């Protein structure tokens, strides 16, 4: 039995050594696992931090989306208003262009304008000048004729006045 106890003791010692080796391996694995646990913990902390940043960005994005939507509506309203004003301005421009053509005439291929009220006014001005010159000539002729008749008219007028005065004194003298 002695051998058997020794053998058992050796077996136990071998088993104990194996257990001790296994314990050291487990301890080493636990240490390695602790490093991994620390890394996992760090990654968890980073993930939570990123999650917070993502939530903040998401809420800011939602606010920005609302602002962008409001700005889009404002821009569309402004565009509609400007489109209406542009239409009104184009109509007025067409009217002004028609008026300009009416005043200054049509433009030919060389860019020179012909016709229009300015041409008519110039033409009428020339006609008025010609009419004025004709009337001045007639006036001068009549004036000269009147001047030539005045010396006789003056003596005739004086004779008539003398005659009228003589008749007016005739009846008072008789009475």
C-alpha atoms as a PDB file:
ATOM      1  CA  UNK A   1       0.000   0.000   0.000  1.00  0.00           C
ATOM      2  CA  UNK A   2       2.832   2.206   0.546  1.00  0.00           C
ATOM      3  CA  UNK A   3       3.525   2.274  -3.066  1.00  0.00           C
ATOM      4  CA  UNK A   4       0.131   2.934  -3.799  1.00  0.00           C
ATOM      5  CA  UNK A   5      -0.040   5.897  -1.465  1.00  0.00           C
ATOM      6  CA  UNK A   6       3.147   7.186  -2.931  1.00  0.00           C
ATOM      7  CA  UNK A   7       1.821   6.696  -6.319  1.00  0.00           C
ATOM      8  CA  UNK A   8      -1.371   8.355  -5.310  1.00  0.00           C
ATOM      9  CA  UNK A   9       0.603  11.130  -3.773  1.00  0.00           C
ATOM     10  CA  UNK A  10       2.605  11.519  -6.947  1.00  0.00           C
ATOM     11  CA  UNK A  11      -0.526  11.394  -8.967  1.00  0.00           C
ATOM     12  CA  UNK A  12      -2.041  13.987  -6.701  1.00  0.00           C
ATOM     13  CA  UNK A  13       1.074  16.103  -6.944  1.00  0.00           C
ATOM     14  CA  UNK A  14       1.049  15.795 -10.711  1.00  0.00           C
ATOM     15  CA  UNK A  15      -2.612  16.593 -10.723  1.00  0.00           C
ATOM     16  CA  UNK A  16      -1.947  19.517  -8.403  1.00  0.00           C
ATOM     17  CA  UNK A  17       0.791  20.768 -10.677  1.00  0.00           C
ATOM     18  CA  UNK A  18      -1.521  20.433 -13.626  1.00  0.00           C
ATOM     19  CA  UNK A  19      -4.205  22.291 -11.711  1.00  0.00           C
ATOM     20  CA  UNK A  20      -1.661  24.923 -10.729  1.00  0.00           C
ATOM     21  CA  UNK A  21      -0.574  25.243 -14.396  1.00  0.00           C
ATOM     22  CA  UNK A  22      -4.186  25.426 -15.432  1.00  0.00           C
ATOM     23  CA  UNK A  23      -4.810  28.052 -12.723  1.00  0.00           C
ATOM     24  CA  UNK A  24      -1.899  30.099 -14.032  1.00  0.00           C
ATOM     25  CA  UNK A  25      -3.291  29.743 -17.551  1.00  0.00           C
ATOM     26  CA  UNK A  26      -6.735  30.788 -16.315  1.00  0.00           C
ATOM     27  CA  UNK A  27      -5.162  33.714 -14.448  1.00  0.00           C
ATOM     28  CA  UNK A  28      -3.285  34.738 -17.601  1.00  0.00           C
ATOM     29  CA  UNK A  29      -6.505  34.434 -19.607  1.00  0.00           C
ATOM     30  CA  UNK A  30      -8.341  36.466 -16.972  1.00  0.00           C
ATOM     31  CA  UNK A  31      -5.633  39.157 -17.242  1.00  0.00           C
ATOM     32  CA  UNK A  32      -5.968  39.079 -21.026  1.00  0.00           C
ATOM     33  CA  UNK A  33      -9.731  39.165 -20.645  1.00  0.00           C
ATOM     34  CA  UNK A  34      -9.389  42.135 -18.311  1.00  0.00           C
ATOM     35  CA  UNK A  35      -7.530  44.015 -21.043  1.00  0.00           C
ATOM     36  CA  UNK A  36     -10.309  43.093 -23.439  1.00  0.00           C
ATOM     37  CA  UNK A  37     -12.904  44.072 -20.827  1.00  0.00           C
ATOM     38  CA  UNK A  38     -11.156  47.418 -20.382  1.00  0.00           C
ATOM     39  CA  UNK A  39     -11.120  47.882 -24.150  1.00  0.00           C
ATOM     40  CA  UNK A  40     -14.778  46.884 -24.361  1.00  0.00           C
ATOM     41  CA  UNK A  41     -15.573  49.304 -21.558  1.00  0.00           C
ATOM     42  CA  UNK A  42     -13.656  52.068 -23.391  1.00  0.00           C
ATOM     43  CA  UNK A  43     -15.476  51.217 -26.628  1.00  0.00           C
ATOM     44  CA  UNK A  44     -18.798  51.276 -24.761  1.00  0.00           C
ATOM     45  CA  UNK A  45     -17.956  54.725 -23.357  1.00  0.00           C
ATOM     46  CA  UNK A  46     -16.947  55.950 -26.835  1.00  0.00           C
ATOM     47  CA  UNK A  47     -20.121  54.465 -28.337  1.00  0.00           C
ATOM     48  CA  UNK A  48     -22.268  56.231 -25.733  1.00  0.00           C
ATOM     49  CA  UNK A  49     -20.429  59.497 -26.397  1.00  0.00           C
ATOM     50  CA  UNK A  50     -20.915  59.072 -30.148  1.00  0.00           C
ATOM     51  CA  UNK A  51     -24.555  58.200 -29.587  1.00  0.00           C
ATOM     52  CA  UNK A  52     -24.986  61.487 -27.698  1.00  0.00           C
ATOM     53  CA  UNK A  53     -23.256  63.377 -30.502  1.00  0.00           C
ATOM     54  CA  UNK A  54     -25.436  61.612 -33.067  1.00  0.00           C
ATOM     55  CA  UNK A  55     -28.584  62.504 -31.109  1.00  0.00           C
ATOM     56  CA  UNK A  56     -27.438  66.138 -30.877  1.00  0.00           C
ATOM     57  CA  UNK A  57     -26.641  66.208 -34.584  1.00  0.00           C
ATOM     58  CA  UNK A  58     -29.978  64.559 -35.337  1.00  0.00           C
ATOM     59  CA  UNK A  59     -31.891  67.210 -33.361  1.00  0.00           C
ATOM     60  CA  UNK A  60     -29.835  69.999 -34.962  1.00  0.00           C
ATOM     61  CA  UNK A  61     -30.531  68.430 -38.344  1.00  0.00           C
ATOM     62  CA  UNK A  62     -34.270  68.397 -37.601  1.00  0.00           C
ATOM     63  CA  UNK A  63     -34.134  72.085 -36.593  1.00  0.00           C
ATOM     64  CA  UNK A  64     -32.104  72.926 -39.701  1.00  0.00           C
ATOM     65  CA  UNK A  65     -34.606  71.006 -41.805  1.00  0.00           C
ATOM     66  CA  UNK A  66     -37.428  73.129 -40.386  1.00  0.00           C
ATOM     67  CA  UNK A  67     -35.480  76.333 -41.029  1.00  0.00           C
ATOM     68  CA  UNK A  68     -34.628  75.211 -44.553  1.00  0.00           C
ATOM     69  CA  UNK A  69     -38.283  74.430 -45.206  1.00  0.00           C
ATOM     70  CA  UNK A  70     -39.336  77.876 -43.955  1.00  0.00           C
ATOM     71  CA  UNK A  71     -36.620  79.544 -46.059  1.00  0.00           C
ATOM     72  CA  UNK A  72     -37.713  77.525 -49.086  1.00  0.00           C
ATOM     73  CA  UNK A  73     -41.296  78.748 -48.683  1.00  0.00           C
ATOM     74  CA  UNK A  74     -40.082  82.321 -48.271  1.00  0.00           C
ATOM     75  CA  UNK A  75     -37.909  82.016 -51.377  1.00  0.00           C
ATOM     76  CA  UNK A  76     -40.831  80.604 -53.367  1.00  0.00           C
ATOM     77  CA  UNK A  77     -43.072  83.482 -52.254  1.00  0.00           C
ATOM     78  CA  UNK A  78     -40.369  85.984 -53.182  1.00  0.00           C
ATOM     79  CA  UNK A  79     -39.902  84.278 -56.554  1.00  0.00           C
ATOM     80  CA  UNK A  80     -43.643  84.440 -57.244  1.00  0.00           C
ATOM     81  CA  UNK A  81     -43.710  88.122 -56.304  1.00  0.00           C
ATOM     82  CA  UNK A  82     -40.718  88.845 -58.515  1.00  0.00           C
ATOM     83  CA  UNK A  83     -42.284  86.899 -61.377  1.00  0.00           C
ATOM     84  CA  UNK A  84     -45.433  89.027 -61.113  1.00  0.00           C
ATOM     85  CA  UNK A  85     -43.367  92.218 -60.997  1.00  0.00           C
ATOM     86  CA  UNK A  86     -41.303  91.043 -63.965  1.00  0.00           C
ATOM     87  CA  UNK A  87     -44.475  90.443 -65.971  1.00  0.00           C
ATOM     88  CA  UNK A  88     -45.734  93.925 -65.098  1.00  0.00           C
ATOM     89  CA  UNK A  89     -42.377  95.456 -66.024  1.00  0.00           C
ATOM     90  CA  UNK A  90     -42.312  93.566 -69.323  1.00  0.00           C
ATOM     91  CA  UNK A  91     -45.792  94.886 -70.169  1.00  0.00           C
ATOM     92  CA  UNK A  92     -44.703  98.424 -69.292  1.00  0.00           C
ATOM     93  CA  UNK A  93     -41.506  97.961 -71.318  1.00  0.00           C
ATOM     94  CA  UNK A  94     -43.578  96.909 -74.329  1.00  0.00           C
ATOM     95  CA  UNK A  95     -45.746 100.007 -73.901  1.00  0.00           C
ATOM     96  CA  UNK A  96     -42.657 102.197 -73.583  1.00  0.00           C
ATOM     97  CA  UNK A  97     -41.119 100.573 -76.673  1.00  0.00           C
ATOM     98  CA  UNK A  98     -44.330 101.253 -78.627  1.00  0.00           C
ATOM     99  CA  UNK A  99     -44.349 104.847 -77.385  1.00  0.00           C
ATOM    100  CA  UNK A 100     -40.650 105.226 -78.264  1.00  0.00           C
ATOM    101  CA  UNK A 101     -41.318 103.953 -81.786  1.00  0.00           C
ATOM    102  CA  UNK A 102     -44.301 106.293 -82.043  1.00  0.00           C
ATOM    103  CA  UNK A 103     -42.129 109.254 -81.016  1.00  0.00           C
ATOM    104  CA  UNK A 104     -38.866 108.445 -82.799  1.00  0.00           C
ATOM    105  CA  UNK A 105     -39.994 106.072 -85.562  1.00  0.00           C
ATOM    106  CA  UNK A 106     -38.979 102.614 -86.692  1.00  0.00           C
ATOM    107  CA  UNK A 107     -35.344 101.579 -86.853  1.00  0.00           C
ATOM    108  CA  UNK A 108     -34.049 100.422 -90.229  1.00  0.00           C
ATOM    109  CA  UNK A 109     -31.275  97.889 -90.966  1.00  0.00           C
ATOM    110  CA  UNK A 110     -28.523 100.526 -90.505  1.00  0.00           C
ATOM    111  CA  UNK A 111     -29.894 101.508 -87.097  1.00  0.00           C
ATOM    112  CA  UNK A 112     -31.239 104.840 -88.335  1.00  0.00           C
ATOM    113  CA  UNK A 113     -34.730 105.813 -87.206  1.00  0.00           C
ATOM    114  CA  UNK A 114     -37.327 107.136 -89.623  1.00  0.00           C
ATOM    115  CA  UNK A 115     -40.888 108.341 -89.180  1.00  0.00           C
ATOM    116  CA  UNK A 116     -42.454 109.002 -85.830  1.00  0.00           C
ATOM    117  CA  UNK A 117     -43.624 112.169 -84.172  1.00  0.00           C
ATOM    118  CA  UNK A 118     -40.172 113.728 -84.024  1.00  0.00           C
ATOM    119  CA  UNK A 119     -40.027 113.616 -87.837  1.00  0.00           C
ATOM    120  CA  UNK A 120     -43.558 114.995 -88.076  1.00  0.00           C
ATOM    121  CA  UNK A 121     -42.704 117.760 -85.619  1.00  0.00           C
ATOM    122  CA  UNK A 122     -39.592 118.659 -87.612  1.00  0.00           C
ATOM    123  CA  UNK A 123     -41.651 118.669 -90.799  1.00  0.00           C
ATOM    124  CA  UNK A 124     -44.384 120.813 -89.245  1.00  0.00           C
ATOM    125  CA  UNK A 125     -41.728 123.161 -87.878  1.00  0.00           C
ATOM    126  CA  UNK A 126     -40.362 123.639 -91.391  1.00  0.00           C
ATOM    127  CA  UNK A 127     -43.892 124.203 -92.720  1.00  0.00           C
ATOM    128  CA  UNK A 128     -44.553 126.731 -89.939  1.00  0.00           C
ATOM    129  CA  UNK A 129     -41.291 128.551 -90.775  1.00  0.00           C
ATOM    130  CA  UNK A 130     -42.260 128.657 -94.457  1.00  0.00           C
ATOM    131  CA  UNK A 131     -45.764 129.900 -93.568  1.00  0.00           C
ATOM    132  CA  UNK A 132     -44.249 132.541 -91.264  1.00  0.00           C
ATOM    133  CA  UNK A 133     -41.931 133.745 -94.035  1.00  0.00           C
ATOM    134  CA  UNK A 134     -44.880 133.964 -96.451  1.00  0.00           C
ATOM    135  CA  UNK A 135     -46.959 135.892 -93.920  1.00  0.00           C
ATOM    136  CA  UNK A 136     -44.069 138.258 -93.206  1.00  0.00           C
ATOM    137  CA  UNK A 137     -43.766 138.996 -96.920  1.00  0.00           C
ATOM    138  CA  UNK A 138     -47.521 139.641 -97.167  1.00  0.00           C
ATOM    139  CA  UNK A 139     -47.355 141.825 -94.050  1.00  0.00           C
ATOM    140  CA  UNK A 140     -44.509 143.874 -95.503  1.00  0.00           C
ATOM    141  CA  UNK A 141     -46.389 144.305 -98.791  1.00  0.00           C
ATOM    142  CA  UNK A 142     -49.563 145.414 -96.999  1.00  0.00           C
ATOM    143  CA  UNK A 143     -47.601 147.692 -94.698  1.00  0.00           C
ATOM    144  CA  UNK A 144     -45.874 149.319 -97.635  1.00  0.00           C
ATOM    145  CA  UNK A 145     -49.223 149.738 -99.416  1.00  0.00           C
ATOM    146  CA  UNK A 146     -50.788 151.294 -96.318  1.00  0.00           C
ATOM    147  CA  UNK A 147     -47.785 153.574 -95.898  1.00  0.00           C
ATOM    148  CA  UNK A 148     -48.096 154.727 -99.497  1.00  0.00           C
ATOM    149  CA  UNK A 149     -51.814 155.472 -98.998  1.00  0.00           C
ATOM    150  CA  UNK A 150     -51.400 157.319 -95.704  1.00  0.00           C
ATOM    151  CA  UNK A 151     -50.382 160.725 -97.039  1.00  0.00           C
ATOM    152  CA  UNK A 152     -53.576 160.960 -99.124  1.00  0.00           C
ATOM    153  CA  UNK A 153     -55.653 159.438 -96.385  1.00  0.00           C
ATOM    154  CA  UNK A 154     -54.394 162.000 -93.951  1.00  0.00           C
ATOM    155  CA  UNK A 155     -55.426 164.956 -96.089  1.00  0.00           C
ATOM    156  CA  UNK A 156     -58.748 163.284 -96.948  1.00  0.00           C
ATOM    157  CA  UNK A 157     -59.369 162.603 -93.291  1.00  0.00           C
ATOM    158  CA  UNK A 158     -58.572 166.204 -92.374  1.00  0.00           C
ATOM    159  CA  UNK A 159     -60.882 167.544 -95.065  1.00  0.00           C
ATOM    160  CA  UNK A 160     -63.729 165.345 -93.851  1.00  0.00           C
ATOM    161  CA  UNK A 161     -63.162 166.431 -90.264  1.00  0.00           C
ATOM    162  CA  UNK A 162     -63.135 170.100 -91.310  1.00  0.00           C
ATOM    163  CA  UNK A 163     -66.371 169.615 -93.247  1.00  0.00           C
ATOM    164  CA  UNK A 164     -68.085 167.885 -90.286  1.00  0.00           C
ATOM    165  CA  UNK A 165     -66.961 170.660 -87.954  1.00  0.00           C
ATOM    166  CA  UNK A 166     -68.256 173.345 -90.343  1.00  0.00           C
ATOM    167  CA  UNK A 167     -71.688 171.737 -90.476  1.00  0.00           C
ATOM    168  CA  UNK A 168     -71.833 171.459 -86.712  1.00  0.00           C
ATOM    169  CA  UNK A 169     -71.269 175.243 -86.399  1.00  0.00           C
ATOM    170  CA  UNK A 170     -73.678 176.166 -89.239  1.00  0.00           C
ATOM    171  CA  UNK A 171     -76.903 175.608 -87.312  1.00  0.00           C
ATOM    172  CA  UNK A 172     -75.835 177.283 -84.097  1.00  0.00           C
ATOM    173  CA  UNK A 173     -74.753 180.356 -86.080  1.00  0.00           C
ATOM    174  CA  UNK A 174     -78.056 180.512 -87.920  1.00  0.00           C
ATOM    175  CA  UNK A 175     -80.079 180.220 -84.758  1.00  0.00           C
END
